[in-house]
Amino acid sequence: MNTVLSRANSLFAFSLSVMAALTFGCFITTAFKDRSVPVRLHVSRIMLKNVEDFTGPRERSDLGFITFDITADLENIFDWNVKQLFLYLSAEYSTKNNVRKDVAECWVYEEMGVRHCCSGVTLFRPKFSFHSFDWRKALNQVVLWDKIVLRGDNPKLLLKDMKTKYFFFDDGNGLKGNRNVTLTLSWNVVPNAGILPLVTGSGV
């Protein structure tokens, strides 16, 4: 004859199995959904100064200030498995002298035939050779602004005359005269269950 304790244990084990099945179903039904949406970025003001870098060695570095607009409709990203979005605006630009540590780490993957680092962002495209490579084009990435959009918040972004939240410091003088600085809006999708995808907006 089953005791109360054994019946409670069976009920608890059955409840865990049902919850696990529901969690997996929540994940698998949204695992292959496209989370990318069109984004429109517009820069209305740019200012560049060469100042003393107070964050490191007392050397002069380029400091950029930008004013920008963001227009995007994030409504299609949200579903029953999305808890929130972490948006961030990053600037990407190449320099001749600044070689970062993560570029050297990504070269190991490049030799193995993989062109992306662990973050999923292509850092550089060297002139490929199995024993030698070109250090002259390292892609710098700087996060300038971020925002958390919770489920239930207004998913339509219509932001005007936004300022950067973080300093746009270059480790040297790579901003002055640089004609290839690209702004990219990306977001992490924080799910209730499953992986944490990193998505870059299209049409930026």
N, C-alpha and C. Protein backbone atom coordinates (compact mmCIF):
# COMPACT_ATOMS: atom_id res chain seq x y z
N MET A 1 0.85 -1.19 0.00
CA MET A 1 0.00 0.00 0.00
C MET A 1 0.88 1.23 0.00
N ASN A 2 0.57 2.21 -0.85
CA ASN A 2 1.36 3.40 -0.95
C ASN A 2 1.08 4.35 0.21
N THR A 3 2.16 4.91 0.73
CA THR A 3 2.02 5.88 1.81
C THR A 3 1.82 7.27 1.23
N VAL A 4 1.48 8.20 2.11
CA VAL A 4 1.30 9.59 1.66
C VAL A 4 2.60 10.15 1.12
N LEU A 5 3.71 9.80 1.75
CA LEU A 5 5.01 10.30 1.31
C LEU A 5 5.38 9.78 -0.08
N SER A 6 5.13 8.53 -0.36
CA SER A 6 5.46 7.96 -1.67
C SER A 6 4.57 8.55 -2.75
N ARG A 7 3.31 8.80 -2.42
CA ARG A 7 2.42 9.42 -3.40
C ARG A 7 2.84 10.86 -3.69
N ALA A 8 3.24 11.59 -2.65
CA ALA A 8 3.72 12.96 -2.84
C ALA A 8 4.98 12.99 -3.68
N ASN A 9 5.87 12.00 -3.48
CA ASN A 9 7.09 11.92 -4.26
C ASN A 9 6.79 11.64 -5.73
N SER A 10 5.82 10.75 -5.99
CA SER A 10 5.44 10.45 -7.38
C SER A 10 4.81 11.66 -8.05
N LEU A 11 3.97 12.39 -7.30
CA LEU A 11 3.35 13.59 -7.85
C LEU A 11 4.38 14.67 -8.15
N PHE A 12 5.36 14.81 -7.27
CA PHE A 12 6.42 15.80 -7.48
C PHE A 12 7.26 15.44 -8.70
N ALA A 13 7.62 14.16 -8.87
CA ALA A 13 8.42 13.73 -10.02
C ALA A 13 7.63 13.92 -11.32
N PHE A 14 6.33 13.63 -11.29
CA PHE A 14 5.50 13.83 -12.49
C PHE A 14 5.40 15.31 -12.84
N SER A 15 5.27 16.18 -11.83
CA SER A 15 5.19 17.63 -12.06
C SER A 15 6.48 18.15 -12.68
N LEU A 16 7.62 17.66 -12.22
CA LEU A 16 8.90 18.07 -12.80
C LEU A 16 9.00 17.64 -14.26
N SER A 17 8.54 16.44 -14.56
CA SER A 17 8.59 15.96 -15.95
C SER A 17 7.71 16.82 -16.85
N VAL A 18 6.52 17.18 -16.36
CA VAL A 18 5.63 18.02 -17.16
C VAL A 18 6.24 19.41 -17.38
N MET A 19 6.83 19.98 -16.33
CA MET A 19 7.46 21.31 -16.46
C MET A 19 8.64 21.27 -17.41
N ALA A 20 9.42 20.19 -17.36
CA ALA A 20 10.55 20.06 -18.28
C ALA A 20 10.07 19.95 -19.72
N ALA A 21 9.00 19.20 -19.95
CA ALA A 21 8.46 19.07 -21.30
C ALA A 21 7.91 20.40 -21.81
N LEU A 22 7.22 21.14 -20.95
CA LEU A 22 6.70 22.44 -21.35
C LEU A 22 7.83 23.43 -21.64
N THR A 23 8.88 23.39 -20.83
CA THR A 23 10.02 24.29 -21.05
C THR A 23 10.70 23.97 -22.38
N PHE A 24 10.89 22.69 -22.66
CA PHE A 24 11.50 22.32 -23.94
C PHE A 24 10.60 22.71 -25.10
N GLY A 25 9.30 22.54 -24.95
CA GLY A 25 8.38 22.94 -26.01
C GLY A 25 8.40 24.43 -26.24
N CYS A 26 8.51 25.22 -25.16
CA CYS A 26 8.62 26.66 -25.30
C CYS A 26 9.88 27.05 -26.06
N PHE A 27 10.97 26.33 -25.80
CA PHE A 27 12.23 26.61 -26.48
C PHE A 27 12.19 26.20 -27.96
N ILE A 28 11.74 24.97 -28.23
CA ILE A 28 11.84 24.43 -29.59
C ILE A 28 10.90 25.16 -30.56
N THR A 29 9.80 25.69 -30.06
CA THR A 29 8.86 26.38 -30.95
C THR A 29 9.35 27.75 -31.38
N THR A 30 10.37 28.27 -30.71
CA THR A 30 10.91 29.59 -31.07
C THR A 30 12.39 29.55 -31.41
N ALA A 31 13.00 28.36 -31.42
CA ALA A 31 14.45 28.26 -31.58
C ALA A 31 14.92 28.73 -32.94
N PHE A 32 14.11 28.57 -33.98
CA PHE A 32 14.55 28.88 -35.34
C PHE A 32 13.87 30.13 -35.90
N LYS A 33 13.31 30.93 -35.04
CA LYS A 33 12.65 32.16 -35.48
C LYS A 33 13.70 33.22 -35.81
N ASP A 34 13.45 33.97 -36.88
CA ASP A 34 14.34 35.05 -37.28
C ASP A 34 14.09 36.26 -36.39
N ARG A 35 15.11 36.68 -35.65
CA ARG A 35 14.99 37.78 -34.70
C ARG A 35 15.49 39.10 -35.26
N SER A 36 15.79 39.15 -36.52
CA SER A 36 16.32 40.37 -37.12
C SER A 36 15.18 41.23 -37.66
N VAL A 37 15.29 42.55 -37.46
CA VAL A 37 14.30 43.50 -37.98
C VAL A 37 15.05 44.68 -38.60
N PRO A 38 14.41 45.40 -39.51
CA PRO A 38 15.06 46.58 -40.10
C PRO A 38 15.26 47.69 -39.06
N VAL A 39 16.40 48.34 -39.18
CA VAL A 39 16.76 49.43 -38.28
C VAL A 39 17.26 50.60 -39.11
N ARG A 40 16.84 51.79 -38.74
CA ARG A 40 17.32 53.00 -39.41
C ARG A 40 18.10 53.84 -38.41
N LEU A 41 19.37 54.09 -38.73
CA LEU A 41 20.24 54.93 -37.91
C LEU A 41 20.60 56.20 -38.68
N HIS A 42 20.55 57.31 -38.00
CA HIS A 42 20.92 58.58 -38.62
C HIS A 42 21.75 59.39 -37.64
N VAL A 43 22.91 59.83 -38.08
CA VAL A 43 23.79 60.65 -37.25
C VAL A 43 23.61 62.10 -37.67
N SER A 44 23.20 62.93 -36.70
CA SER A 44 22.92 64.33 -37.00
C SER A 44 24.05 65.27 -36.61
N ARG A 45 24.95 64.82 -35.73
CA ARG A 45 26.03 65.71 -35.28
C ARG A 45 27.24 64.89 -34.89
N ILE A 46 28.40 65.33 -35.31
CA ILE A 46 29.66 64.68 -34.99
C ILE A 46 30.66 65.72 -34.50
N MET A 47 31.33 65.41 -33.41
CA MET A 47 32.38 66.29 -32.89
C MET A 47 33.55 65.43 -32.44
N LEU A 48 34.75 65.84 -32.77
CA LEU A 48 35.95 65.08 -32.45
C LEU A 48 36.96 65.97 -31.77
N LYS A 49 37.52 65.46 -30.66
CA LYS A 49 38.54 66.18 -29.91
C LYS A 49 39.72 65.26 -29.65
N ASN A 50 40.88 65.86 -29.53
CA ASN A 50 42.08 65.13 -29.14
C ASN A 50 42.43 65.56 -27.73
N VAL A 51 42.17 64.68 -26.76
CA VAL A 51 42.29 65.03 -25.34
C VAL A 51 43.20 64.04 -24.64
N GLU A 52 43.54 64.36 -23.42
CA GLU A 52 44.36 63.48 -22.60
C GLU A 52 43.50 62.34 -22.08
N ASP A 53 43.94 61.12 -22.30
CA ASP A 53 43.20 59.94 -21.90
C ASP A 53 43.40 59.70 -20.41
N PHE A 54 42.36 60.00 -19.61
CA PHE A 54 42.46 59.84 -18.16
C PHE A 54 42.21 58.40 -17.72
N THR A 55 41.84 57.50 -18.64
CA THR A 55 41.55 56.12 -18.27
C THR A 55 42.79 55.23 -18.30
N GLY A 56 43.90 55.72 -18.80
CA GLY A 56 45.10 54.90 -18.91
C GLY A 56 46.34 55.76 -18.84
N PRO A 57 47.35 55.43 -19.65
CA PRO A 57 48.56 56.26 -19.69
C PRO A 57 48.21 57.69 -20.08
N ARG A 58 48.93 58.62 -19.53
CA ARG A 58 48.62 60.03 -19.75
C ARG A 58 49.08 60.46 -21.13
N GLU A 59 48.41 59.91 -22.13
CA GLU A 59 48.69 60.26 -23.51
C GLU A 59 47.43 60.84 -24.14
N ARG A 60 47.61 61.58 -25.22
CA ARG A 60 46.47 62.20 -25.90
C ARG A 60 45.85 61.21 -26.88
N SER A 61 44.52 61.11 -26.84
CA SER A 61 43.79 60.19 -27.70
C SER A 61 42.58 60.90 -28.29
N ASP A 62 42.05 60.31 -29.34
CA ASP A 62 40.85 60.88 -29.97
C ASP A 62 39.62 60.53 -29.16
N LEU A 63 38.76 61.52 -28.97
CA LEU A 63 37.49 61.34 -28.26
C LEU A 63 36.37 61.87 -29.15
N GLY A 64 35.43 60.99 -29.48
CA GLY A 64 34.34 61.38 -30.37
C GLY A 64 33.03 61.59 -29.63
N PHE A 65 32.24 62.53 -30.12
CA PHE A 65 30.89 62.78 -29.62
C PHE A 65 29.94 62.75 -30.81
N ILE A 66 28.87 61.98 -30.69
CA ILE A 66 27.90 61.92 -31.78
C ILE A 66 26.49 62.09 -31.22
N THR A 67 25.63 62.64 -32.05
CA THR A 67 24.20 62.72 -31.78
C THR A 67 23.49 61.92 -32.87
N PHE A 68 22.60 61.01 -32.48
CA PHE A 68 22.05 60.06 -33.44
C PHE A 68 20.56 59.85 -33.20
N ASP A 69 19.89 59.33 -34.24
CA ASP A 69 18.48 58.94 -34.18
C ASP A 69 18.38 57.45 -34.47
N ILE A 70 17.45 56.77 -33.80
CA ILE A 70 17.20 55.35 -34.01
C ILE A 70 15.72 55.14 -34.26
N THR A 71 15.42 54.45 -35.34
CA THR A 71 14.04 54.08 -35.66
C THR A 71 13.99 52.58 -35.92
N ALA A 72 13.16 51.88 -35.15
CA ALA A 72 13.04 50.42 -35.32
C ALA A 72 11.74 49.94 -34.68
N ASP A 73 11.18 48.90 -35.25
CA ASP A 73 9.99 48.27 -34.70
C ASP A 73 10.37 46.85 -34.26
N LEU A 74 10.43 46.66 -32.95
CA LEU A 74 10.89 45.39 -32.38
C LEU A 74 9.74 44.45 -32.01
N GLU A 75 8.53 44.79 -32.43
CA GLU A 75 7.35 44.03 -32.00
C GLU A 75 7.40 42.58 -32.46
N ASN A 76 7.91 42.31 -33.66
CA ASN A 76 7.94 40.94 -34.19
C ASN A 76 8.95 40.06 -33.47
N ILE A 77 9.85 40.65 -32.71
CA ILE A 77 10.83 39.84 -31.98
C ILE A 77 10.20 39.18 -30.76
N PHE A 78 9.27 39.87 -30.14
CA PHE A 78 8.69 39.37 -28.90
C PHE A 78 7.67 38.26 -29.17
N ASP A 79 7.76 37.22 -28.36
CA ASP A 79 6.76 36.14 -28.35
C ASP A 79 6.73 35.58 -26.93
N TRP A 80 6.10 34.41 -26.76
CA TRP A 80 5.94 33.86 -25.42
C TRP A 80 7.24 33.43 -24.78
N ASN A 81 8.32 33.35 -25.57
CA ASN A 81 9.59 32.91 -25.01
C ASN A 81 10.61 34.04 -24.88
N VAL A 82 10.20 35.27 -25.04
CA VAL A 82 11.12 36.40 -24.93
C VAL A 82 10.79 37.20 -23.68
N LYS A 83 11.77 37.31 -22.80
CA LYS A 83 11.58 38.06 -21.56
C LYS A 83 11.94 39.53 -21.74
N GLN A 84 13.06 39.79 -22.40
CA GLN A 84 13.50 41.16 -22.62
C GLN A 84 14.56 41.19 -23.71
N LEU A 85 14.84 42.39 -24.21
CA LEU A 85 15.90 42.63 -25.19
C LEU A 85 16.92 43.58 -24.59
N PHE A 86 18.18 43.26 -24.82
CA PHE A 86 19.26 44.17 -24.42
C PHE A 86 19.85 44.76 -25.70
N LEU A 87 19.54 46.02 -25.96
CA LEU A 87 20.01 46.69 -27.16
C LEU A 87 21.31 47.42 -26.88
N TYR A 88 22.18 47.44 -27.87
CA TYR A 88 23.38 48.27 -27.73
C TYR A 88 23.85 48.75 -29.11
N LEU A 89 24.29 49.98 -29.11
CA LEU A 89 24.81 50.62 -30.32
C LEU A 89 26.33 50.61 -30.24
N SER A 90 26.97 50.07 -31.27
CA SER A 90 28.42 49.97 -31.28
C SER A 90 28.99 50.64 -32.52
N ALA A 91 30.19 51.16 -32.38
CA ALA A 91 30.92 51.75 -33.50
C ALA A 91 32.05 50.81 -33.88
N GLU A 92 32.19 50.56 -35.16
CA GLU A 92 33.24 49.69 -35.68
C GLU A 92 34.08 50.46 -36.68
N TYR A 93 35.39 50.37 -36.54
CA TYR A 93 36.27 51.07 -37.46
C TYR A 93 37.64 50.40 -37.46
N SER A 94 38.32 50.51 -38.58
CA SER A 94 39.64 49.92 -38.74
C SER A 94 40.72 50.98 -38.56
N THR A 95 41.84 50.57 -37.97
CA THR A 95 43.01 51.44 -37.83
C THR A 95 44.26 50.68 -38.26
N LYS A 96 45.31 51.40 -38.47
CA LYS A 96 46.57 50.79 -38.91
C LYS A 96 47.46 50.38 -37.75
N ASN A 97 47.35 51.07 -36.62
CA ASN A 97 48.29 50.85 -35.53
C ASN A 97 47.71 50.10 -34.35
N ASN A 98 46.41 50.18 -34.15
CA ASN A 98 45.81 49.57 -32.97
C ASN A 98 45.51 48.10 -33.21
N VAL A 99 46.25 47.24 -32.58
CA VAL A 99 46.05 45.80 -32.68
C VAL A 99 45.64 45.31 -31.30
N ARG A 100 44.44 44.78 -31.21
CA ARG A 100 43.92 44.34 -29.93
C ARG A 100 44.22 42.87 -29.69
N LYS A 101 44.16 42.50 -28.41
CA LYS A 101 44.47 41.12 -28.03
C LYS A 101 43.51 40.12 -28.66
N ASP A 102 42.19 40.50 -28.74
CA ASP A 102 41.23 39.54 -29.26
C ASP A 102 41.42 39.26 -30.74
N VAL A 103 42.10 40.20 -31.45
CA VAL A 103 42.41 39.94 -32.85
C VAL A 103 43.42 38.80 -32.95
N ALA A 104 44.42 38.81 -32.07
CA ALA A 104 45.40 37.74 -32.07
C ALA A 104 44.75 36.40 -31.73
N GLU A 105 43.77 36.42 -30.80
CA GLU A 105 43.09 35.19 -30.44
C GLU A 105 42.25 34.67 -31.60
N CYS A 106 41.63 35.58 -32.34
CA CYS A 106 40.78 35.16 -33.45
C CYS A 106 41.60 34.61 -34.61
N TRP A 107 42.89 34.96 -34.67
CA TRP A 107 43.70 34.44 -35.77
C TRP A 107 43.83 32.93 -35.70
N VAL A 108 43.79 32.37 -34.49
CA VAL A 108 43.84 30.92 -34.37
C VAL A 108 42.65 30.29 -35.09
N TYR A 109 41.47 30.89 -34.92
CA TYR A 109 40.29 30.38 -35.62
C TYR A 109 40.39 30.63 -37.12
N GLU A 110 41.05 31.71 -37.51
CA GLU A 110 41.19 32.02 -38.93
C GLU A 110 42.04 30.97 -39.61
N GLU A 111 43.13 30.53 -38.95
CA GLU A 111 43.97 29.50 -39.53
C GLU A 111 43.22 28.17 -39.66
N MET A 112 42.26 27.95 -38.78
CA MET A 112 41.49 26.71 -38.83
C MET A 112 40.34 26.82 -39.82
N GLY A 113 40.24 27.96 -40.51
CA GLY A 113 39.23 28.10 -41.53
C GLY A 113 37.96 28.78 -41.05
N VAL A 114 37.94 29.26 -39.79
CA VAL A 114 36.77 29.95 -39.25
C VAL A 114 37.08 31.43 -39.20
N ARG A 115 36.21 32.25 -39.76
CA ARG A 115 36.47 33.68 -39.89
C ARG A 115 35.80 34.51 -38.82
N HIS A 116 35.21 33.90 -37.80
CA HIS A 116 34.54 34.66 -36.76
C HIS A 116 35.12 34.28 -35.40
N CYS A 117 35.17 35.28 -34.52
CA CYS A 117 35.63 34.99 -33.17
C CYS A 117 34.46 34.43 -32.37
N CYS A 118 34.70 34.17 -31.07
CA CYS A 118 33.67 33.51 -30.27
C CYS A 118 32.44 34.39 -30.10
N SER A 119 32.55 35.70 -30.24
CA SER A 119 31.39 36.58 -30.10
C SER A 119 30.54 36.61 -31.35
N GLY A 120 31.02 36.02 -32.44
CA GLY A 120 30.25 35.98 -33.66
C GLY A 120 30.48 37.17 -34.56
N VAL A 121 31.44 38.01 -34.24
CA VAL A 121 31.71 39.21 -35.03
C VAL A 121 33.03 39.04 -35.75
N THR A 122 33.03 39.28 -37.04
CA THR A 122 34.26 39.21 -37.81
C THR A 122 35.14 40.39 -37.45
N LEU A 123 36.29 40.15 -36.88
CA LEU A 123 37.15 41.24 -36.43
C LEU A 123 38.03 41.78 -37.54
N PHE A 124 38.47 40.93 -38.43
CA PHE A 124 39.33 41.42 -39.50
C PHE A 124 39.35 40.42 -40.64
N ARG A 125 39.76 40.89 -41.78
CA ARG A 125 39.91 40.02 -42.95
C ARG A 125 41.34 40.17 -43.48
N PRO A 126 42.28 39.43 -42.93
CA PRO A 126 43.67 39.59 -43.36
C PRO A 126 43.91 38.95 -44.72
N LYS A 127 45.05 39.31 -45.30
CA LYS A 127 45.50 38.61 -46.49
C LYS A 127 45.97 37.23 -46.05
N PHE A 128 45.15 36.23 -46.33
CA PHE A 128 45.33 34.94 -45.68
C PHE A 128 46.57 34.23 -46.18
N SER A 129 47.34 33.76 -45.23
CA SER A 129 48.46 32.88 -45.48
C SER A 129 48.60 31.98 -44.28
N PHE A 130 48.98 30.75 -44.51
CA PHE A 130 48.99 29.80 -43.41
C PHE A 130 50.03 30.14 -42.36
N HIS A 131 51.15 30.76 -42.75
CA HIS A 131 52.22 31.05 -41.81
C HIS A 131 52.40 32.54 -41.54
N SER A 132 51.80 33.40 -42.33
CA SER A 132 51.94 34.84 -42.10
C SER A 132 50.60 35.50 -42.29
N PHE A 133 50.44 36.69 -41.67
CA PHE A 133 49.18 37.41 -41.77
C PHE A 133 49.46 38.90 -41.67
N ASP A 134 48.45 39.69 -42.04
CA ASP A 134 48.58 41.13 -42.10
C ASP A 134 47.91 41.74 -40.87
N TRP A 135 48.70 42.38 -40.00
CA TRP A 135 48.18 42.99 -38.80
C TRP A 135 47.60 44.38 -39.06
N ARG A 136 47.68 44.91 -40.26
CA ARG A 136 47.41 46.33 -40.48
C ARG A 136 45.94 46.70 -40.39
N LYS A 137 45.04 45.73 -40.46
CA LYS A 137 43.62 46.06 -40.44
C LYS A 137 42.93 45.33 -39.29
N ALA A 138 42.97 45.94 -38.11
CA ALA A 138 42.27 45.40 -36.95
C ALA A 138 41.01 46.20 -36.73
N LEU A 139 39.89 45.52 -36.59
CA LEU A 139 38.61 46.19 -36.42
C LEU A 139 38.38 46.48 -34.95
N ASN A 140 38.23 47.76 -34.62
CA ASN A 140 37.95 48.18 -33.25
C ASN A 140 36.44 48.27 -33.05
N GLN A 141 35.99 47.89 -31.88
CA GLN A 141 34.58 47.95 -31.54
C GLN A 141 34.41 48.67 -30.21
N VAL A 142 33.52 49.67 -30.20
CA VAL A 142 33.26 50.46 -29.00
C VAL A 142 31.75 50.54 -28.80
N VAL A 143 31.27 50.17 -27.63
CA VAL A 143 29.85 50.30 -27.30
C VAL A 143 29.59 51.73 -26.85
N LEU A 144 28.65 52.40 -27.51
CA LEU A 144 28.37 53.80 -27.24
C LEU A 144 27.08 54.02 -26.45
N TRP A 145 26.14 53.10 -26.57
CA TRP A 145 24.82 53.33 -25.97
C TRP A 145 24.13 51.99 -25.80
N ASP A 146 23.29 51.86 -24.78
CA ASP A 146 22.53 50.63 -24.61
C ASP A 146 21.17 50.93 -23.98
N LYS A 147 20.30 49.94 -24.06
CA LYS A 147 18.94 50.10 -23.54
C LYS A 147 18.33 48.72 -23.35
N ILE A 148 17.55 48.56 -22.28
CA ILE A 148 16.82 47.32 -22.02
C ILE A 148 15.35 47.56 -22.34
N VAL A 149 14.79 46.69 -23.19
CA VAL A 149 13.37 46.74 -23.54
C VAL A 149 12.71 45.50 -22.96
N LEU A 150 11.85 45.70 -21.96
CA LEU A 150 11.16 44.60 -21.31
C LEU A 150 9.91 44.20 -22.09
N ARG A 151 9.50 42.98 -21.90
CA ARG A 151 8.24 42.53 -22.48
C ARG A 151 7.09 43.34 -21.86
N GLY A 152 6.27 43.92 -22.71
CA GLY A 152 5.22 44.80 -22.23
C GLY A 152 5.54 46.26 -22.45
N ASP A 153 6.83 46.59 -22.64
CA ASP A 153 7.20 47.97 -22.99
C ASP A 153 6.83 48.25 -24.44
N ASN A 154 6.86 49.52 -24.79
CA ASN A 154 6.60 49.91 -26.18
C ASN A 154 7.74 49.40 -27.06
N PRO A 155 7.46 48.47 -27.99
CA PRO A 155 8.55 47.89 -28.79
C PRO A 155 8.97 48.76 -29.97
N LYS A 156 8.29 49.86 -30.21
CA LYS A 156 8.62 50.72 -31.34
C LYS A 156 9.55 51.83 -30.88
N LEU A 157 10.77 51.82 -31.42
CA LEU A 157 11.77 52.81 -31.07
C LEU A 157 11.69 53.98 -32.03
N LEU A 158 11.54 55.15 -31.47
CA LEU A 158 11.57 56.38 -32.25
C LEU A 158 12.34 57.41 -31.43
N LEU A 159 13.65 57.23 -31.42
CA LEU A 159 14.53 58.03 -30.56
C LEU A 159 15.20 59.11 -31.39
N LYS A 160 15.12 60.34 -30.91
CA LYS A 160 15.67 61.49 -31.62
C LYS A 160 16.71 62.20 -30.76
N ASP A 161 17.77 62.64 -31.43
CA ASP A 161 18.82 63.45 -30.79
C ASP A 161 19.37 62.77 -29.54
N MET A 162 19.71 61.51 -29.68
CA MET A 162 20.28 60.75 -28.57
C MET A 162 21.77 61.01 -28.45
N LYS A 163 22.24 61.05 -27.21
CA LYS A 163 23.67 61.21 -26.93
C LYS A 163 24.25 59.85 -26.53
N THR A 164 25.54 59.70 -26.71
CA THR A 164 26.19 58.47 -26.30
C THR A 164 26.23 58.38 -24.77
N LYS A 165 26.02 57.18 -24.25
CA LYS A 165 26.07 56.96 -22.81
C LYS A 165 27.49 56.71 -22.32
N TYR A 166 28.35 56.26 -23.23
CA TYR A 166 29.71 55.90 -22.86
C TYR A 166 30.70 56.66 -23.74
N PHE A 167 31.90 56.86 -23.23
CA PHE A 167 32.92 57.62 -23.95
C PHE A 167 33.33 56.89 -25.22
N PHE A 168 33.42 57.65 -26.30
CA PHE A 168 33.91 57.12 -27.58
C PHE A 168 35.39 57.44 -27.67
N PHE A 169 36.19 56.72 -26.89
CA PHE A 169 37.63 56.91 -26.85
C PHE A 169 38.31 55.92 -27.80
N ASP A 170 39.24 56.42 -28.57
CA ASP A 170 40.10 55.54 -29.36
C ASP A 170 41.43 55.40 -28.64
N ASP A 171 42.00 54.22 -28.70
CA ASP A 171 43.31 53.98 -28.07
C ASP A 171 44.41 54.50 -28.97
N GLY A 172 44.42 55.81 -29.14
CA GLY A 172 45.41 56.45 -30.01
C GLY A 172 44.75 57.57 -30.79
N ASN A 173 45.07 57.65 -32.06
CA ASN A 173 44.54 58.70 -32.93
C ASN A 173 43.90 58.10 -34.17
N GLY A 174 43.06 57.08 -33.94
CA GLY A 174 42.47 56.36 -35.06
C GLY A 174 41.15 56.91 -35.55
N LEU A 175 40.60 57.94 -34.87
CA LEU A 175 39.32 58.49 -35.30
C LEU A 175 39.48 59.67 -36.26
N LYS A 176 40.48 60.47 -36.02
CA LYS A 176 40.67 61.66 -36.86
C LYS A 176 41.01 61.25 -38.29
N GLY A 177 40.20 61.72 -39.22
CA GLY A 177 40.42 61.41 -40.62
C GLY A 177 39.96 60.03 -41.04
N ASN A 178 39.37 59.28 -40.12
CA ASN A 178 38.89 57.94 -40.45
C ASN A 178 37.54 58.04 -41.16
N ARG A 179 37.47 57.57 -42.39
CA ARG A 179 36.25 57.69 -43.19
C ARG A 179 35.41 56.41 -43.19
N ASN A 180 35.75 55.47 -42.33
CA ASN A 180 35.04 54.20 -42.34
C ASN A 180 34.65 53.79 -40.92
N VAL A 181 33.87 54.64 -40.26
CA VAL A 181 33.33 54.33 -38.94
C VAL A 181 31.86 53.92 -39.12
N THR A 182 31.53 52.71 -38.74
CA THR A 182 30.20 52.16 -38.96
C THR A 182 29.47 51.98 -37.64
N LEU A 183 28.25 52.50 -37.56
CA LEU A 183 27.40 52.30 -36.39
C LEU A 183 26.48 51.10 -36.63
N THR A 184 26.38 50.24 -35.61
CA THR A 184 25.57 49.04 -35.73
C THR A 184 24.72 48.89 -34.47
N LEU A 185 23.42 48.65 -34.67
CA LEU A 185 22.53 48.36 -33.54
C LEU A 185 22.32 46.85 -33.46
N SER A 186 22.66 46.29 -32.32
CA SER A 186 22.53 44.85 -32.10
C SER A 186 21.73 44.62 -30.81
N TRP A 187 21.28 43.39 -30.63
CA TRP A 187 20.56 43.09 -29.40
C TRP A 187 20.72 41.63 -29.03
N ASN A 188 20.73 41.41 -27.71
CA ASN A 188 20.65 40.06 -27.14
C ASN A 188 19.20 39.78 -26.79
N VAL A 189 18.70 38.65 -27.26
CA VAL A 189 17.34 38.22 -26.93
C VAL A 189 17.42 37.36 -25.67
N VAL A 190 16.81 37.84 -24.58
CA VAL A 190 16.82 37.11 -23.30
C VAL A 190 15.55 36.26 -23.22
N PRO A 191 15.66 34.93 -23.36
CA PRO A 191 14.46 34.08 -23.40
C PRO A 191 14.07 33.58 -22.01
N ASN A 192 12.88 33.03 -21.92
CA ASN A 192 12.49 32.30 -20.72
C ASN A 192 13.18 30.95 -20.65
N ALA A 193 13.42 30.35 -21.80
CA ALA A 193 14.11 29.07 -21.87
C ALA A 193 14.86 28.99 -23.19
N GLY A 194 16.09 28.51 -23.14
CA GLY A 194 16.85 28.35 -24.37
C GLY A 194 18.11 29.19 -24.40
N ILE A 195 18.63 29.36 -25.61
CA ILE A 195 19.90 30.05 -25.81
C ILE A 195 19.69 31.56 -25.79
N LEU A 196 20.80 32.28 -25.74
CA LEU A 196 20.80 33.74 -25.70
C LEU A 196 21.38 34.25 -27.03
N PRO A 197 20.56 34.41 -28.06
CA PRO A 197 21.11 34.79 -29.38
C PRO A 197 21.52 36.26 -29.44
N LEU A 198 22.53 36.51 -30.24
CA LEU A 198 22.98 37.88 -30.53
C LEU A 198 22.59 38.18 -31.96
N VAL A 199 21.83 39.27 -32.15
CA VAL A 199 21.26 39.60 -33.45
C VAL A 199 21.69 41.01 -33.82
N THR A 200 22.01 41.22 -35.10
CA THR A 200 22.35 42.53 -35.62
C THR A 200 21.23 43.01 -36.53
N GLY A 201 20.81 44.25 -36.34
CA GLY A 201 19.73 44.79 -37.15
C GLY A 201 20.10 44.90 -38.62
N SER A 202 19.14 44.71 -39.48
CA SER A 202 19.37 44.82 -40.92
C SER A 202 19.08 46.23 -41.39
N GLY A 203 19.76 46.63 -42.46
CA GLY A 203 19.51 47.94 -43.02
C GLY A 203 20.09 49.07 -42.23
N VAL A 204 21.12 48.79 -41.38
CA VAL A 204 21.72 49.83 -40.57
C VAL A 204 22.63 50.68 -41.41
